[in-house]
Amino acid sequence: MSTENITRLHAQCNKLGIEYHHRAGEEKLRAMIGSCLAADPTKAGLLIDGNLLESGPAAPKQQRIDKNAKALTPKEYAELMGPATRKSSNVLKRCRVMCMDPLKREWPGETLSVGSAKLGTFKKFIPFDGEPYHIPKIIYDMMKERQCTVFYTVKQKDGRGGDIRKGKLVPAFNIVDLPPLTGKELDDLANQQALAKAGL
């Protein structure tokens, strides 16, 4: 532990308005400074020595900050990043889907809806016929995480006789990933859709 580094870190904390214990170690001080800058990057302009934080394990790498730069408001950030994030969430994944939920064994499919305040709502009917289908990535990710309960029978081991019903969690969907359509397959599909639309 370097006394010189501790002194410089104390000076950094004082400039940033961070309260610290006089016996706090170098690593703790660096972590506190890193957390402060992560919460408010505009305070980076108050740093005495921009190179001081680079060696700290818990602190982010210091970058030059344009003093004339304007911080984005939450609304401006949403307007800037929203379309790109929504576009990546709507990327189509080609796959086959079979439902593993015993309660939905006879269902032809299910309308699934996923969304958030930032992304909006994505809604799509997903067929369970095992045929190739394109699903938005955000719905695909949700389906990968969904589980259902399957019950099974276990015989008692203590000799009393009778069976016990137990349940276990299993994936709700059997999803088989398929490669994207080739250019020729896309052209054939477009022609089929055009003929179907024309009633031929």
Protein backbone atom coordinates (compact mmCIF):
# COMPACT_ATOMS: atom_id res chain seq x y z
CA MET A 1 0.00 0.00 0.00
CA SER A 2 1.55 3.30 -1.11
CA THR A 3 1.18 6.30 1.20
CA GLU A 4 1.51 8.57 -1.82
CA ASN A 5 -1.38 6.81 -3.57
CA ILE A 6 -3.54 6.99 -0.45
CA THR A 7 -2.88 10.74 -0.21
CA ARG A 8 -3.80 11.25 -3.86
CA LEU A 9 -6.95 9.13 -3.45
CA HIS A 10 -7.96 11.19 -0.42
CA ALA A 11 -7.56 14.32 -2.54
CA GLN A 12 -9.69 12.75 -5.28
CA CYS A 13 -12.43 11.87 -2.78
CA ASN A 14 -12.39 15.38 -1.36
CA LYS A 15 -12.77 16.88 -4.85
CA LEU A 16 -15.66 14.56 -5.67
CA GLY A 17 -17.37 15.14 -2.31
CA ILE A 18 -17.02 11.51 -1.18
CA GLU A 19 -17.04 10.82 2.55
CA TYR A 20 -14.52 8.16 3.57
CA HIS A 21 -13.02 6.64 6.72
CA HIS A 22 -9.50 7.88 7.45
CA ARG A 23 -8.30 4.27 7.65
CA ALA A 24 -9.91 3.15 4.36
CA GLY A 25 -7.46 1.23 2.17
CA GLU A 26 -6.40 1.99 -1.38
CA GLU A 27 -8.73 -0.58 -2.94
CA LYS A 28 -11.73 0.67 -0.96
CA LEU A 29 -11.04 4.29 -1.93
CA ARG A 30 -10.67 3.38 -5.60
CA ALA A 31 -13.96 1.47 -5.48
CA MET A 32 -15.73 4.46 -3.91
CA ILE A 33 -14.37 6.81 -6.59
CA GLY A 34 -15.34 4.35 -9.33
CA SER A 35 -18.89 4.06 -7.99
CA CYS A 36 -19.19 7.85 -7.79
CA LEU A 37 -18.07 8.30 -11.41
CA ALA A 38 -20.32 5.47 -12.61
CA ALA A 39 -23.30 7.19 -10.97
CA ASP A 40 -22.37 10.64 -12.33
CA PRO A 41 -19.78 10.63 -15.16
CA THR A 42 -19.89 14.44 -15.34
CA LYS A 43 -17.85 14.56 -12.12
CA ALA A 44 -14.84 13.19 -14.00
CA GLY A 45 -13.87 16.79 -14.79
CA LEU A 46 -13.17 17.31 -11.07
CA LEU A 47 -10.41 14.69 -10.99
CA ILE A 48 -6.96 15.99 -10.09
CA ASP A 49 -5.02 13.28 -11.92
CA GLY A 50 -6.77 11.50 -14.79
CA ASN A 51 -4.22 8.65 -14.76
CA LEU A 52 -4.71 7.84 -11.10
CA LEU A 53 -7.75 5.61 -11.52
CA GLU A 54 -6.44 3.48 -14.38
CA SER A 55 -4.59 1.05 -12.10
CA GLY A 56 -7.47 0.59 -9.67
CA PRO A 57 -9.13 -2.83 -9.93
CA ALA A 58 -12.64 -1.65 -9.02
CA ALA A 59 -12.61 1.67 -10.86
CA PRO A 60 -13.50 2.26 -14.49
CA LYS A 61 -10.85 3.38 -16.96
CA GLN A 62 -10.71 7.17 -17.03
CA GLN A 63 -11.71 8.75 -20.31
CA ARG A 64 -11.40 12.31 -21.49
CA ILE A 65 -14.66 14.20 -21.03
CA ASP A 66 -15.67 17.02 -23.32
CA LYS A 67 -16.53 19.86 -20.92
CA ASN A 68 -18.87 21.34 -23.54
CA ALA A 69 -20.75 18.05 -24.00
CA LYS A 70 -24.36 17.99 -22.89
CA ALA A 71 -25.69 15.08 -20.83
CA LEU A 72 -28.71 13.33 -22.34
CA THR A 73 -32.00 13.38 -20.46
CA PRO A 74 -33.80 10.03 -20.05
CA LYS A 75 -36.27 11.06 -22.77
CA GLU A 76 -33.47 12.00 -25.20
CA TYR A 77 -31.65 8.74 -24.47
CA ALA A 78 -34.84 6.74 -25.14
CA GLU A 79 -35.36 8.59 -28.44
CA LEU A 80 -31.75 7.95 -29.46
CA MET A 81 -31.36 4.32 -28.36
CA GLY A 82 -34.99 3.12 -28.48
CA PRO A 83 -35.20 2.40 -32.25
CA ALA A 84 -31.90 0.48 -32.29
CA THR A 85 -32.82 -1.58 -29.21
CA ARG A 86 -36.30 -2.31 -30.53
CA LYS A 87 -34.85 -3.32 -33.91
CA SER A 88 -32.46 -5.83 -32.31
CA SER A 89 -35.33 -7.25 -30.20
CA ASN A 90 -37.42 -7.75 -33.35
CA VAL A 91 -34.78 -9.77 -35.25
CA LEU A 92 -36.45 -12.99 -36.42
CA LYS A 93 -35.20 -16.40 -35.29
CA ARG A 94 -36.10 -19.39 -37.48
CA CYS A 95 -37.03 -22.48 -35.48
CA ARG A 96 -39.51 -25.30 -34.84
CA VAL A 97 -41.63 -25.16 -31.68
CA MET A 98 -43.38 -27.97 -29.82
CA CYS A 99 -45.26 -27.31 -26.59
CA MET A 100 -44.22 -29.53 -23.67
CA ASP A 101 -46.92 -28.30 -21.25
CA PRO A 102 -49.40 -31.19 -20.65
CA LEU A 103 -52.22 -28.69 -20.06
CA LYS A 104 -51.74 -27.26 -23.57
CA ARG A 105 -51.25 -30.57 -25.37
CA GLU A 106 -54.26 -30.02 -27.65
CA TRP A 107 -53.60 -26.36 -28.35
CA PRO A 108 -52.73 -25.48 -31.97
CA GLY A 109 -50.60 -22.60 -30.69
CA GLU A 110 -50.50 -19.68 -28.27
CA THR A 111 -50.40 -15.90 -28.56
CA LEU A 112 -47.39 -14.71 -26.58
CA SER A 113 -46.79 -11.11 -25.56
CA VAL A 114 -43.57 -9.59 -24.22
CA GLY A 115 -42.71 -5.99 -23.57
CA SER A 116 -41.34 -3.24 -21.39
CA ALA A 117 -41.66 0.51 -20.97
CA LYS A 118 -38.53 1.07 -23.08
CA LEU A 119 -39.17 -1.45 -25.87
CA GLY A 120 -42.93 -1.42 -26.18
CA THR A 121 -44.98 -4.58 -26.67
CA PHE A 122 -44.22 -7.52 -28.98
CA LYS A 123 -47.13 -9.87 -29.62
CA LYS A 124 -47.24 -12.92 -31.90
CA PHE A 125 -49.16 -16.16 -32.36
CA ILE A 126 -46.75 -19.11 -32.09
CA PRO A 127 -47.97 -22.39 -33.66
CA PHE A 128 -47.10 -25.67 -31.96
CA ASP A 129 -47.17 -27.83 -35.11
CA GLY A 130 -43.40 -28.28 -35.33
CA GLU A 131 -43.19 -26.53 -38.71
CA PRO A 132 -40.43 -23.95 -39.39
CA TYR A 133 -41.49 -20.54 -38.13
CA HIS A 134 -39.90 -17.11 -37.59
CA ILE A 135 -40.15 -15.67 -34.06
CA PRO A 136 -38.98 -12.24 -32.82
CA LYS A 137 -35.85 -12.63 -30.69
CA ILE A 138 -37.41 -11.05 -27.59
CA ILE A 139 -40.26 -13.62 -27.65
CA TYR A 140 -37.79 -16.41 -28.50
CA ASP A 141 -35.68 -15.52 -25.42
CA MET A 142 -38.77 -15.53 -23.19
CA MET A 143 -39.86 -18.93 -24.54
CA LYS A 144 -36.40 -20.36 -23.79
CA GLU A 145 -36.80 -19.33 -20.14
CA ARG A 146 -40.42 -20.40 -19.61
CA GLN A 147 -41.03 -23.57 -17.60
CA CYS A 148 -44.03 -25.72 -16.76
CA THR A 149 -44.78 -28.33 -14.12
CA VAL A 150 -44.98 -32.01 -15.06
CA PHE A 151 -46.34 -34.51 -12.53
CA TYR A 152 -45.16 -38.10 -12.16
CA THR A 153 -45.90 -41.04 -9.84
CA VAL A 154 -43.47 -42.39 -7.24
CA LYS A 155 -43.99 -45.56 -5.19
CA GLN A 156 -43.49 -45.21 -1.45
CA LYS A 157 -40.37 -46.92 -0.12
CA ASP A 158 -41.53 -47.43 3.47
CA GLY A 159 -43.77 -50.36 2.58
CA ARG A 160 -47.04 -48.59 3.30
CA GLY A 161 -48.13 -48.98 -0.28
CA GLY A 162 -49.79 -46.40 -2.42
CA ASP A 163 -48.28 -43.96 -4.84
CA ILE A 164 -47.20 -40.36 -4.43
CA ARG A 165 -47.62 -37.70 -7.09
CA LYS A 166 -44.67 -35.37 -7.45
CA GLY A 167 -44.02 -32.47 -9.74
CA LYS A 168 -40.92 -31.18 -11.48
CA LEU A 169 -40.16 -28.16 -13.65
CA VAL A 170 -39.30 -28.75 -17.30
CA PRO A 171 -38.90 -26.38 -20.26
CA ALA A 172 -42.34 -25.33 -21.49
CA PHE A 173 -41.26 -25.45 -25.14
CA ASN A 174 -39.08 -27.75 -27.21
CA ILE A 175 -37.37 -25.27 -29.55
CA VAL A 176 -35.18 -26.53 -32.39
CA ASP A 177 -33.06 -23.77 -33.94
CA LEU A 178 -32.88 -23.76 -37.73
CA PRO A 179 -30.44 -22.01 -40.07
CA PRO A 180 -31.67 -18.76 -41.71
CA LEU A 181 -33.28 -19.05 -45.14
CA THR A 182 -30.93 -18.80 -48.10
CA GLY A 183 -31.42 -16.18 -50.82
CA LYS A 184 -33.05 -18.74 -53.13
CA GLU A 185 -35.40 -19.94 -50.36
CA LEU A 186 -36.40 -16.34 -49.66
CA ASP A 187 -37.16 -15.76 -53.35
CA ASP A 188 -39.23 -18.98 -53.51
CA LEU A 189 -41.13 -17.97 -50.37
CA ALA A 190 -41.82 -14.50 -51.80
CA ASN A 191 -43.17 -16.07 -55.01
CA GLN A 192 -45.41 -18.46 -53.04
CA GLN A 193 -46.80 -15.59 -50.97
CA ALA A 194 -47.42 -13.51 -54.10
CA LEU A 195 -49.30 -16.42 -55.75
CA ALA A 196 -51.33 -17.04 -52.59
CA LYS A 197 -52.22 -13.35 -52.35
CA ALA A 198 -53.34 -13.39 -55.99
CA GLY A 199 -55.51 -16.43 -55.27
CA LEU A 200 -53.60 -18.72 -57.64
